[in-house]
Amino acid sequence: MTRATARIVLLSLAMATGLTGCGKFASEKSAQQAREDFFEEQEVETDRTKIFSMFIKPDREEVGEVNRYLWNASLEVLNFLPVETIDPFSGVVSTGYGTPPGGGRAYRATVYVTDSALDARSLNVALQSRGGPVSIDTQRAVEDAILTRARQLRVADLGM
């Protein structure tokens, strides 16, 4: 390293070190203000507009924004399929190929629970076999089985 390069490096380091002390008091004030702003933002509102409010007093029938009975029923009805991805907050279950008990054809399913209501509009099921899409009757039978099981789970929870 030449003397000129060494001087430039040392001068740059000295200037950088000197500038780090500038504005110290202003940054403490802004840090304090940032802390106050952070805690003001974290106050829980009763209308569930904050992310932290999802964990306070959860509804009995909801996991995130999906109906827990539909969610659990879809996992129970399709328990013969290996789960590949699962996200209870968005309501998506994606499975791999599996053969139902007593059946010879392999299926895979994607279940999407779109709402917290316990009705057919909240449930979307897409079935596929290794040969392509399945018949609408098969898909509807799986949806009906999930909805029936969800209603059974709800009745069991309510103690009827």
Protein backbone atom coordinates (compact mmCIF):
# COMPACT_ATOMS: atom_id res chain seq x y z
CA MET A 1 0.00 0.00 0.00
CA THR A 2 1.43 3.38 -0.91
CA ARG A 3 1.59 6.33 1.43
CA ALA A 4 -1.06 8.22 -0.52
CA THR A 5 -3.48 5.30 -0.34
CA ALA A 6 -2.79 4.83 3.36
CA ARG A 7 -3.47 8.53 4.03
CA ILE A 8 -6.76 8.38 2.11
CA VAL A 9 -7.87 5.28 4.02
CA LEU A 10 -6.94 6.77 7.40
CA LEU A 11 -8.56 10.09 6.56
CA SER A 12 -11.75 8.31 5.47
CA LEU A 13 -11.85 6.25 8.68
CA ALA A 14 -11.28 9.36 10.79
CA MET A 15 -14.08 11.23 9.03
CA ALA A 16 -16.46 8.29 9.35
CA THR A 17 -15.65 7.96 13.05
CA GLY A 18 -16.12 11.68 13.57
CA LEU A 19 -19.47 11.73 11.82
CA THR A 20 -20.88 8.89 13.91
CA GLY A 21 -21.07 11.25 16.90
CA CYS A 22 -23.10 13.86 15.03
CA GLY A 23 -26.75 14.08 15.84
CA LYS A 24 -26.55 11.91 18.97
CA PHE A 25 -29.15 13.84 20.94
CA ALA A 26 -31.54 14.04 18.03
CA SER A 27 -31.36 10.27 17.49
CA GLU A 28 -32.13 9.58 21.15
CA LYS A 29 -35.20 11.75 20.88
CA SER A 30 -36.32 10.04 17.70
CA ALA A 31 -35.68 6.61 19.24
CA GLN A 32 -37.84 7.56 22.22
CA GLN A 33 -40.50 8.86 19.86
CA ALA A 34 -40.27 5.66 17.83
CA ARG A 35 -40.80 3.57 20.98
CA GLU A 36 -43.83 5.63 21.95
CA ASP A 37 -45.24 5.35 18.46
CA PHE A 38 -44.68 1.59 18.48
CA PHE A 39 -46.56 1.07 21.73
CA GLU A 40 -49.39 3.33 20.59
CA GLU A 41 -49.77 1.21 17.46
CA GLN A 42 -49.83 -2.01 19.49
CA GLU A 43 -52.91 -1.05 21.48
CA VAL A 44 -55.56 -3.68 20.93
CA GLU A 45 -58.76 -2.50 19.33
CA THR A 46 -62.04 -4.28 19.84
CA ASP A 47 -62.93 -4.43 16.15
CA ARG A 48 -59.98 -6.71 15.32
CA THR A 49 -58.13 -4.41 12.97
CA LYS A 50 -54.69 -5.22 14.39
CA ILE A 51 -52.77 -8.42 13.82
CA PHE A 52 -52.31 -9.05 17.54
CA SER A 53 -56.07 -8.96 18.14
CA MET A 54 -56.40 -12.27 16.31
CA PHE A 55 -54.90 -13.98 19.37
CA ILE A 56 -57.18 -12.28 21.89
CA LYS A 57 -60.54 -13.93 22.59
CA PRO A 58 -60.62 -16.16 19.54
CA ASP A 59 -64.05 -17.22 18.31
CA ARG A 60 -64.91 -20.82 19.06
CA GLU A 61 -65.67 -21.63 15.44
CA GLU A 62 -62.71 -19.87 13.80
CA VAL A 63 -59.04 -20.65 13.23
CA GLY A 64 -57.82 -17.41 11.74
CA GLU A 65 -60.59 -16.67 9.26
CA VAL A 66 -61.67 -20.22 8.42
CA ASN A 67 -64.33 -22.37 10.00
CA ARG A 68 -62.67 -24.84 12.34
CA TYR A 69 -65.31 -27.52 11.80
CA LEU A 70 -64.80 -27.47 8.03
CA TRP A 71 -61.04 -27.42 8.56
CA ASN A 72 -61.00 -30.41 10.91
CA ALA A 73 -63.58 -32.31 8.87
CA SER A 74 -61.53 -31.94 5.69
CA LEU A 75 -58.47 -33.30 7.48
CA GLU A 76 -60.47 -36.22 8.89
CA VAL A 77 -62.27 -37.15 5.66
CA LEU A 78 -59.08 -36.98 3.59
CA ASN A 79 -56.84 -38.60 6.21
CA PHE A 80 -55.76 -41.33 3.76
CA LEU A 81 -53.99 -38.69 1.64
CA PRO A 82 -50.49 -37.52 2.64
CA VAL A 83 -50.53 -33.82 3.53
CA GLU A 84 -48.00 -31.80 1.50
CA THR A 85 -48.80 -28.24 2.54
CA ILE A 86 -51.17 -26.91 5.13
CA ASP A 87 -52.02 -23.34 6.15
CA PRO A 88 -54.81 -22.87 8.70
CA PHE A 89 -54.71 -19.06 8.42
CA SER A 90 -55.48 -18.97 4.70
CA GLY A 91 -57.51 -22.21 4.79
CA VAL A 92 -55.55 -24.25 2.24
CA VAL A 93 -54.77 -27.98 2.48
CA SER A 94 -52.83 -29.55 -0.36
CA THR A 95 -52.25 -33.30 -0.38
CA GLY A 96 -50.23 -35.77 -2.36
CA TYR A 97 -51.53 -38.85 -4.14
CA GLY A 98 -53.12 -41.53 -2.00
CA THR A 99 -55.50 -44.44 -2.45
CA PRO A 100 -58.72 -44.48 -0.40
CA PRO A 101 -59.42 -47.57 1.70
CA GLY A 102 -61.01 -50.19 -0.53
CA GLY A 103 -60.31 -48.19 -3.69
CA GLY A 104 -57.87 -48.82 -6.48
CA ARG A 105 -57.49 -45.33 -7.94
CA ALA A 106 -55.06 -42.79 -6.48
CA TYR A 107 -56.28 -39.25 -5.84
CA ARG A 108 -54.83 -35.97 -4.68
CA ALA A 109 -56.82 -33.07 -3.29
CA THR A 110 -56.63 -29.38 -2.64
CA VAL A 111 -59.12 -28.05 -0.10
CA TYR A 112 -59.75 -24.33 0.29
CA VAL A 113 -61.91 -23.10 3.19
CA THR A 114 -62.80 -19.53 2.25
CA ASP A 115 -65.01 -18.29 5.06
CA SER A 116 -65.80 -18.71 8.73
CA ALA A 117 -69.39 -19.78 7.99
CA LEU A 118 -70.36 -23.43 8.17
CA ASP A 119 -71.94 -23.83 4.75
CA ALA A 120 -71.17 -25.22 1.31
CA ARG A 121 -70.08 -21.85 -0.10
CA SER A 122 -67.17 -21.80 2.34
CA LEU A 123 -65.67 -25.02 0.98
CA ASN A 124 -63.87 -25.59 -2.33
CA VAL A 125 -62.46 -29.03 -3.11
CA ALA A 126 -60.39 -29.87 -6.18
CA LEU A 127 -59.67 -33.56 -6.82
CA GLN A 128 -57.28 -35.02 -9.33
CA SER A 129 -56.30 -38.56 -10.23
CA ARG A 130 -53.11 -39.66 -11.92
CA GLY A 131 -55.04 -39.78 -15.18
CA GLY A 132 -56.42 -36.24 -14.90
CA PRO A 133 -59.43 -34.57 -13.31
CA VAL A 134 -62.09 -36.66 -11.62
CA SER A 135 -65.82 -36.62 -12.30
CA ILE A 136 -67.95 -33.91 -10.76
CA ASP A 137 -69.97 -36.56 -8.92
CA THR A 138 -66.84 -37.81 -7.14
CA GLN A 139 -65.82 -34.30 -6.22
CA ARG A 140 -69.31 -33.48 -4.96
CA ALA A 141 -69.37 -36.70 -2.89
CA VAL A 142 -66.13 -35.66 -1.16
CA GLU A 143 -67.50 -32.16 -0.50
CA ASP A 144 -70.70 -33.67 0.93
CA ALA A 145 -68.68 -36.00 3.18
CA ILE A 146 -66.64 -33.05 4.50
CA LEU A 147 -69.75 -30.95 5.12
CA THR A 148 -71.52 -33.84 6.87
CA ARG A 149 -68.54 -34.49 9.10
CA ALA A 150 -68.23 -30.76 9.89
CA ARG A 151 -71.85 -30.67 11.01
CA GLN A 152 -71.29 -33.77 13.15
CA LEU A 153 -68.29 -32.11 14.81
CA ARG A 154 -70.32 -28.98 15.53
CA VAL A 155 -73.20 -30.97 17.02
CA ALA A 156 -70.72 -32.89 19.19
CA ASP A 157 -69.20 -29.60 20.42
CA LEU A 158 -72.58 -28.13 21.25
CA GLY A 159 -73.58 -31.30 23.11
CA MET A 160 -76.85 -31.85 21.27
